[in-house]
């Protein structure tokens, strides 16, 4: 479900009528015709070895769609850092800190989804899918991840409607560009007492001097 939302094949979870898993094959039934959307994504899909290729993903956004997150949600920087600490504790507790990427999704400061995977993209898909299946509205949520923020991950968040995306690691140039284009507040290098805000800082209430722009 998270993958379908993140790839732009569906716009809301209600479009899915049934999911059947058989021998590792997933069959999804949709209540409307997605033929044109599937053909568009297949014909415009770009597979690039360079995750930081800004030109590729700018083209991708222009040719397929350009989601833009409109949210007036604001959160204190100290609350964001608490979420980062919470994700790190969960990752260590489950033994996934070094072997895979973890993602946590918070709604109004409350944890509503947690997922991990060896792929940073899959972990984002999983967290979005868990939250969507539980009826979470994404316009007041924060996604926190252990993975680098590349354009494809930012676009997944934007399509779901997540206004703030946070990583404990450094950003990739394509991720910064995609965040500006899609209205996502991008935060990287989030640590115990500091972070760097790269886009749309107005959503973050800042109360101490070590925040860097």
C-alpha atoms as a PDB file:
ATOM      1  CA  UNK A   1       0.000   0.000   0.000  1.00  0.00           C
ATOM      2  CA  UNK A   2       2.796   2.397   0.857  1.00  0.00           C
ATOM      3  CA  UNK A   3       4.562   1.648  -2.418  1.00  0.00           C
ATOM      4  CA  UNK A   4       1.424   2.367  -4.461  1.00  0.00           C
ATOM      5  CA  UNK A   5       0.928   5.678  -2.650  1.00  0.00           C
ATOM      6  CA  UNK A   6       4.600   6.626  -2.890  1.00  0.00           C
ATOM      7  CA  UNK A   7       4.796   5.839  -6.594  1.00  0.00           C
ATOM      8  CA  UNK A   8       1.703   7.906  -7.334  1.00  0.00           C
ATOM      9  CA  UNK A   9      -0.336   4.988  -8.662  1.00  0.00           C
ATOM     10  CA  UNK A  10      -3.056   5.734  -6.113  1.00  0.00           C
ATOM     11  CA  UNK A  11      -3.823   8.885  -4.169  1.00  0.00           C
ATOM     12  CA  UNK A  12      -5.767   7.409  -1.268  1.00  0.00           C
ATOM     13  CA  UNK A  13      -6.025   4.050   0.431  1.00  0.00           C
ATOM     14  CA  UNK A  14      -9.759   3.780  -0.328  1.00  0.00           C
ATOM     15  CA  UNK A  15      -8.885   3.040  -3.948  1.00  0.00           C
ATOM     16  CA  UNK A  16      -7.664  -0.413  -2.885  1.00  0.00           C
ATOM     17  CA  UNK A  17     -10.467  -2.977  -2.602  1.00  0.00           C
ATOM     18  CA  UNK A  18      -8.485  -6.164  -1.981  1.00  0.00           C
ATOM     19  CA  UNK A  19      -4.944  -7.479  -1.514  1.00  0.00           C
ATOM     20  CA  UNK A  20      -4.050 -11.161  -1.958  1.00  0.00           C
ATOM     21  CA  UNK A  21      -0.613 -12.643  -1.259  1.00  0.00           C
ATOM     22  CA  UNK A  22       0.093 -16.001  -2.936  1.00  0.00           C
ATOM     23  CA  UNK A  23       3.543 -17.597  -3.185  1.00  0.00           C
ATOM     24  CA  UNK A  24       5.273 -14.234  -2.809  1.00  0.00           C
ATOM     25  CA  UNK A  25       3.093 -12.674  -5.525  1.00  0.00           C
ATOM     26  CA  UNK A  26       0.940  -9.729  -4.447  1.00  0.00           C
ATOM     27  CA  UNK A  27      -2.273  -9.045  -6.339  1.00  0.00           C
ATOM     28  CA  UNK A  28      -3.974  -5.730  -5.649  1.00  0.00           C
ATOM     29  CA  UNK A  29      -7.514  -4.899  -6.735  1.00  0.00           C
ATOM     30  CA  UNK A  30      -8.318  -1.244  -7.385  1.00  0.00           C
ATOM     31  CA  UNK A  31     -11.786   0.275  -7.725  1.00  0.00           C
ATOM     32  CA  UNK A  32     -10.891   2.418 -10.736  1.00  0.00           C
ATOM     33  CA  UNK A  33      -8.958   2.199 -14.000  1.00  0.00           C
ATOM     34  CA  UNK A  34      -5.254   2.911 -13.491  1.00  0.00           C
ATOM     35  CA  UNK A  35      -4.191   1.841 -16.983  1.00  0.00           C
ATOM     36  CA  UNK A  36      -3.065   5.315 -18.092  1.00  0.00           C
ATOM     37  CA  UNK A  37      -1.198   5.989 -14.835  1.00  0.00           C
ATOM     38  CA  UNK A  38       0.646   2.666 -15.048  1.00  0.00           C
ATOM     39  CA  UNK A  39       1.644   3.263 -18.663  1.00  0.00           C
ATOM     40  CA  UNK A  40       2.903   6.752 -17.824  1.00  0.00           C
ATOM     41  CA  UNK A  41       5.066   5.544 -14.953  1.00  0.00           C
ATOM     42  CA  UNK A  42       6.415   2.617 -16.990  1.00  0.00           C
ATOM     43  CA  UNK A  43       7.328   4.850 -19.917  1.00  0.00           C
ATOM     44  CA  UNK A  44       8.876   7.614 -17.794  1.00  0.00           C
ATOM     45  CA  UNK A  45      10.521   5.529 -15.071  1.00  0.00           C
ATOM     46  CA  UNK A  46      14.190   6.356 -14.662  1.00  0.00           C
ATOM     47  CA  UNK A  47      16.749   3.955 -13.201  1.00  0.00           C
ATOM     48  CA  UNK A  48      19.943   5.814 -12.375  1.00  0.00           C
ATOM     49  CA  UNK A  49      23.037   4.533 -10.624  1.00  0.00           C
ATOM     50  CA  UNK A  50      23.635   8.022  -9.227  1.00  0.00           C
ATOM     51  CA  UNK A  51      21.089   8.637  -6.445  1.00  0.00           C
ATOM     52  CA  UNK A  52      22.224  12.259  -6.388  1.00  0.00           C
ATOM     53  CA  UNK A  53      21.341  13.072  -9.986  1.00  0.00           C
ATOM     54  CA  UNK A  54      19.224  16.207  -9.655  1.00  0.00           C
ATOM     55  CA  UNK A  55      18.564  16.581 -13.386  1.00  0.00           C
ATOM     56  CA  UNK A  56      17.052  13.097 -13.655  1.00  0.00           C
ATOM     57  CA  UNK A  57      14.584  13.638 -10.849  1.00  0.00           C
ATOM     58  CA  UNK A  58      13.630  17.170 -11.894  1.00  0.00           C
ATOM     59  CA  UNK A  59      12.727  15.691 -15.273  1.00  0.00           C
ATOM     60  CA  UNK A  60      10.869  12.891 -13.528  1.00  0.00           C
ATOM     61  CA  UNK A  61       8.739  15.362 -11.573  1.00  0.00           C
ATOM     62  CA  UNK A  62       7.980  17.516 -14.589  1.00  0.00           C
ATOM     63  CA  UNK A  63       7.033  14.618 -16.850  1.00  0.00           C
ATOM     64  CA  UNK A  64       4.888  12.556 -14.466  1.00  0.00           C
ATOM     65  CA  UNK A  65       3.570  14.710 -11.643  1.00  0.00           C
ATOM     66  CA  UNK A  66       4.672  17.303  -9.169  1.00  0.00           C
ATOM     67  CA  UNK A  67       3.105  16.757  -5.764  1.00  0.00           C
ATOM     68  CA  UNK A  68       3.307  19.731  -3.421  1.00  0.00           C
ATOM     69  CA  UNK A  69       2.660  19.487   0.297  1.00  0.00           C
ATOM     70  CA  UNK A  70       0.432  22.224   1.674  1.00  0.00           C
ATOM     71  CA  UNK A  71       0.509  22.001   5.463  1.00  0.00           C
ATOM     72  CA  UNK A  72       0.607  24.596   8.212  1.00  0.00           C
ATOM     73  CA  UNK A  73       1.904  22.029  10.696  1.00  0.00           C
ATOM     74  CA  UNK A  74       4.655  23.367  12.960  1.00  0.00           C
ATOM     75  CA  UNK A  75       6.728  21.552  15.558  1.00  0.00           C
ATOM     76  CA  UNK A  76       9.333  22.545  18.114  1.00  0.00           C
ATOM     77  CA  UNK A  77      12.896  21.545  17.272  1.00  0.00           C
ATOM     78  CA  UNK A  78      13.221  19.808  20.656  1.00  0.00           C
ATOM     79  CA  UNK A  79      10.279  17.557  19.779  1.00  0.00           C
ATOM     80  CA  UNK A  80      11.941  16.631  16.500  1.00  0.00           C
ATOM     81  CA  UNK A  81      15.125  15.625  18.329  1.00  0.00           C
ATOM     82  CA  UNK A  82      13.079  13.508  20.747  1.00  0.00           C
ATOM     83  CA  UNK A  83      11.667  11.647  17.753  1.00  0.00           C
ATOM     84  CA  UNK A  84      15.187  11.066  16.430  1.00  0.00           C
ATOM     85  CA  UNK A  85      16.263   9.635  19.805  1.00  0.00           C
ATOM     86  CA  UNK A  86      13.161   7.453  19.866  1.00  0.00           C
ATOM     87  CA  UNK A  87      13.948   6.031  16.412  1.00  0.00           C
ATOM     88  CA  UNK A  88      17.546   5.311  17.411  1.00  0.00           C
ATOM     89  CA  UNK A  89      16.428   3.484  20.556  1.00  0.00           C
ATOM     90  CA  UNK A  90      13.972   1.362  18.602  1.00  0.00           C
ATOM     91  CA  UNK A  91      16.586   0.531  15.982  1.00  0.00           C
ATOM     92  CA  UNK A  92      19.100  -0.599  18.598  1.00  0.00           C
ATOM     93  CA  UNK A  93      16.486  -2.505  20.588  1.00  0.00           C
ATOM     94  CA  UNK A  94      15.442  -4.529  17.546  1.00  0.00           C
ATOM     95  CA  UNK A  95      19.018  -5.135  16.387  1.00  0.00           C
ATOM     96  CA  UNK A  96      18.426  -3.244  13.144  1.00  0.00           C
ATOM     97  CA  UNK A  97      20.673  -0.229  13.634  1.00  0.00           C
ATOM     98  CA  UNK A  98      23.601  -1.532  11.578  1.00  0.00           C
ATOM     99  CA  UNK A  99      21.997  -4.107   9.298  1.00  0.00           C
ATOM    100  CA  UNK A 100      19.140  -2.105   7.794  1.00  0.00           C
ATOM    101  CA  UNK A 101      17.396   1.241   7.521  1.00  0.00           C
ATOM    102  CA  UNK A 102      14.654   2.168   9.975  1.00  0.00           C
ATOM    103  CA  UNK A 103      11.804   4.627   9.531  1.00  0.00           C
ATOM    104  CA  UNK A 104       9.367   5.991  12.102  1.00  0.00           C
ATOM    105  CA  UNK A 105       6.325   8.105  11.361  1.00  0.00           C
ATOM    106  CA  UNK A 106       4.905  10.428  14.006  1.00  0.00           C
ATOM    107  CA  UNK A 107       1.483  12.091  13.946  1.00  0.00           C
ATOM    108  CA  UNK A 108       1.151  15.090  16.282  1.00  0.00           C
ATOM    109  CA  UNK A 109       4.220  13.752  18.092  1.00  0.00           C
ATOM    110  CA  UNK A 110       2.821  10.234  18.564  1.00  0.00           C
ATOM    111  CA  UNK A 111       4.464   7.214  16.943  1.00  0.00           C
ATOM    112  CA  UNK A 112       2.009   5.736  14.427  1.00  0.00           C
ATOM    113  CA  UNK A 113       4.283   3.549  12.276  1.00  0.00           C
ATOM    114  CA  UNK A 114       7.692   1.918  12.504  1.00  0.00           C
ATOM    115  CA  UNK A 115       9.401  -0.179   9.828  1.00  0.00           C
ATOM    116  CA  UNK A 116      12.819  -1.405   8.756  1.00  0.00           C
ATOM    117  CA  UNK A 117      14.334  -2.908   5.629  1.00  0.00           C
ATOM    118  CA  UNK A 118      17.727  -3.320   3.979  1.00  0.00           C
ATOM    119  CA  UNK A 119      16.435  -0.801   1.417  1.00  0.00           C
ATOM    120  CA  UNK A 120      15.821   2.760   2.571  1.00  0.00           C
ATOM    121  CA  UNK A 121      13.097   3.085  -0.064  1.00  0.00           C
ATOM    122  CA  UNK A 122      11.285  -0.043   1.103  1.00  0.00           C
ATOM    123  CA  UNK A 123      11.390   1.107   4.721  1.00  0.00           C
ATOM    124  CA  UNK A 124       9.697   4.380   3.726  1.00  0.00           C
ATOM    125  CA  UNK A 125       7.071   2.440   1.742  1.00  0.00           C
ATOM    126  CA  UNK A 126       6.381   0.193   4.722  1.00  0.00           C
ATOM    127  CA  UNK A 127       5.956   3.057   7.204  1.00  0.00           C
ATOM    128  CA  UNK A 128       3.635   4.955   4.865  1.00  0.00           C
ATOM    129  CA  UNK A 129       1.605   1.801   4.215  1.00  0.00           C
ATOM    130  CA  UNK A 130       1.229   0.998   7.922  1.00  0.00           C
ATOM    131  CA  UNK A 131       0.075   4.531   8.714  1.00  0.00           C
ATOM    132  CA  UNK A 132      -2.295   4.680   5.741  1.00  0.00           C
ATOM    133  CA  UNK A 133      -3.893   1.347   6.615  1.00  0.00           C
ATOM    134  CA  UNK A 134      -4.592   2.715  10.108  1.00  0.00           C
ATOM    135  CA  UNK A 135      -6.330   5.789   8.746  1.00  0.00           C
ATOM    136  CA  UNK A 136      -3.621   8.308   9.621  1.00  0.00           C
ATOM    137  CA  UNK A 137      -3.897  11.710   7.937  1.00  0.00           C
ATOM    138  CA  UNK A 138      -0.433  12.660   6.741  1.00  0.00           C
ATOM    139  CA  UNK A 139      -0.713  16.463   6.730  1.00  0.00           C
ATOM    140  CA  UNK A 140       0.453  16.677  10.360  1.00  0.00           C
ATOM    141  CA  UNK A 141       3.095  13.969  10.378  1.00  0.00           C
ATOM    142  CA  UNK A 142       6.876  13.750  10.539  1.00  0.00           C
ATOM    143  CA  UNK A 143       8.912  10.995   8.916  1.00  0.00           C
ATOM    144  CA  UNK A 144      12.218  10.151  10.630  1.00  0.00           C
ATOM    145  CA  UNK A 145      14.714   7.871   8.896  1.00  0.00           C
ATOM    146  CA  UNK A 146      18.217   6.462   9.344  1.00  0.00           C
ATOM    147  CA  UNK A 147      18.785   6.608   5.577  1.00  0.00           C
ATOM    148  CA  UNK A 148      20.034   9.409   3.376  1.00  0.00           C
ATOM    149  CA  UNK A 149      17.304  11.559   1.884  1.00  0.00           C
ATOM    150  CA  UNK A 150      17.412  11.127  -1.886  1.00  0.00           C
ATOM    151  CA  UNK A 151      14.875  12.534  -4.341  1.00  0.00           C
ATOM    152  CA  UNK A 152      12.925   9.301  -4.694  1.00  0.00           C
ATOM    153  CA  UNK A 153      12.363   9.101  -0.929  1.00  0.00           C
ATOM    154  CA  UNK A 154      11.334  12.758  -0.724  1.00  0.00           C
ATOM    155  CA  UNK A 155       8.876  12.298  -3.589  1.00  0.00           C
ATOM    156  CA  UNK A 156       7.306   9.330  -1.773  1.00  0.00           C
ATOM    157  CA  UNK A 157       6.771  11.527   1.292  1.00  0.00           C
ATOM    158  CA  UNK A 158       5.348  14.349  -0.819  1.00  0.00           C
ATOM    159  CA  UNK A 159       2.872  12.082  -2.592  1.00  0.00           C
ATOM    160  CA  UNK A 160       1.635  10.815   0.766  1.00  0.00           C
ATOM    161  CA  UNK A 161       1.350  14.413   2.007  1.00  0.00           C
ATOM    162  CA  UNK A 162       4.038  14.245   4.728  1.00  0.00           C
ATOM    163  CA  UNK A 163       5.238  17.828   5.394  1.00  0.00           C
ATOM    164  CA  UNK A 164       8.477  17.121   7.329  1.00  0.00           C
ATOM    165  CA  UNK A 165      11.180  14.544   6.607  1.00  0.00           C
ATOM    166  CA  UNK A 166      14.100  14.053   8.998  1.00  0.00           C
ATOM    167  CA  UNK A 167      17.305  12.007   8.641  1.00  0.00           C
ATOM    168  CA  UNK A 168      20.167  11.340  11.008  1.00  0.00           C
ATOM    169  CA  UNK A 169      22.492  11.292   7.992  1.00  0.00           C
ATOM    170  CA  UNK A 170      23.575  13.873   5.450  1.00  0.00           C
ATOM    171  CA  UNK A 171      21.416  14.812   2.465  1.00  0.00           C
ATOM    172  CA  UNK A 172      21.913  14.105  -1.225  1.00  0.00           C
ATOM    173  CA  UNK A 173      21.693  16.993  -3.702  1.00  0.00           C
ATOM    174  CA  UNK A 174      18.729  15.426  -5.498  1.00  0.00           C
ATOM    175  CA  UNK A 175      16.878  15.173  -2.185  1.00  0.00           C
ATOM    176  CA  UNK A 176      17.343  18.863  -1.409  1.00  0.00           C
ATOM    177  CA  UNK A 177      16.175  19.834  -4.896  1.00  0.00           C
ATOM    178  CA  UNK A 178      13.135  17.544  -4.692  1.00  0.00           C
ATOM    179  CA  UNK A 179      12.223  18.928  -1.257  1.00  0.00           C
ATOM    180  CA  UNK A 180      12.175  22.501  -2.597  1.00  0.00           C
ATOM    181  CA  UNK A 181      10.040  21.430  -5.546  1.00  0.00           C
ATOM    182  CA  UNK A 182       7.519  19.440  -3.494  1.00  0.00           C
ATOM    183  CA  UNK A 183       7.078  21.597  -0.383  1.00  0.00           C
ATOM    184  CA  UNK A 184       8.708  19.162   2.049  1.00  0.00           C
ATOM    185  CA  UNK A 185      10.704  20.454   5.019  1.00  0.00           C
ATOM    186  CA  UNK A 186      14.001  18.557   4.800  1.00  0.00           C
ATOM    187  CA  UNK A 187      16.127  18.094   7.919  1.00  0.00           C
ATOM    188  CA  UNK A 188      19.416  16.175   7.946  1.00  0.00           C
ATOM    189  CA  UNK A 189      22.277  15.532  10.379  1.00  0.00           C
ATOM    190  CA  UNK A 190      19.713  15.334  13.179  1.00  0.00           C
ATOM    191  CA  UNK A 191      21.591  14.508  16.373  1.00  0.00           C
ATOM    192  CA  UNK A 192      20.973  14.770  20.109  1.00  0.00           C
ATOM    193  CA  UNK A 193      21.376  18.541  20.213  1.00  0.00           C
ATOM    194  CA  UNK A 194      21.610  19.832  16.644  1.00  0.00           C
ATOM    195  CA  UNK A 195      20.301  19.507  13.103  1.00  0.00           C
ATOM    196  CA  UNK A 196      20.466  21.181   9.711  1.00  0.00           C
ATOM    197  CA  UNK A 197      17.285  22.465   8.073  1.00  0.00           C
ATOM    198  CA  UNK A 198      17.583  22.662   4.298  1.00  0.00           C
ATOM    199  CA  UNK A 199      14.098  23.594   3.067  1.00  0.00           C
ATOM    200  CA  UNK A 200      10.945  25.308   4.364  1.00  0.00           C
ATOM    201  CA  UNK A 201      12.315  26.080   7.889  1.00  0.00           C
ATOM    202  CA  UNK A 202       9.114  27.920   8.843  1.00  0.00           C
ATOM    203  CA  UNK A 203       7.594  24.623   9.983  1.00  0.00           C
ATOM    204  CA  UNK A 204      10.256  24.231  12.692  1.00  0.00           C
ATOM    205  CA  UNK A 205      10.020  26.285  15.888  1.00  0.00           C
ATOM    206  CA  UNK A 206      13.624  26.975  16.853  1.00  0.00           C
ATOM    207  CA  UNK A 207      14.632  27.696  20.432  1.00  0.00           C
ATOM    208  CA  UNK A 208      18.372  27.143  20.557  1.00  0.00           C
ATOM    209  CA  UNK A 209      21.390  28.452  18.681  1.00  0.00           C
ATOM    210  CA  UNK A 210      22.960  25.243  17.336  1.00  0.00           C
ATOM    211  CA  UNK A 211      20.354  24.807  14.619  1.00  0.00           C
ATOM    212  CA  UNK A 212      22.136  25.392  11.296  1.00  0.00           C
ATOM    213  CA  UNK A 213      20.624  26.473   7.948  1.00  0.00           C
END
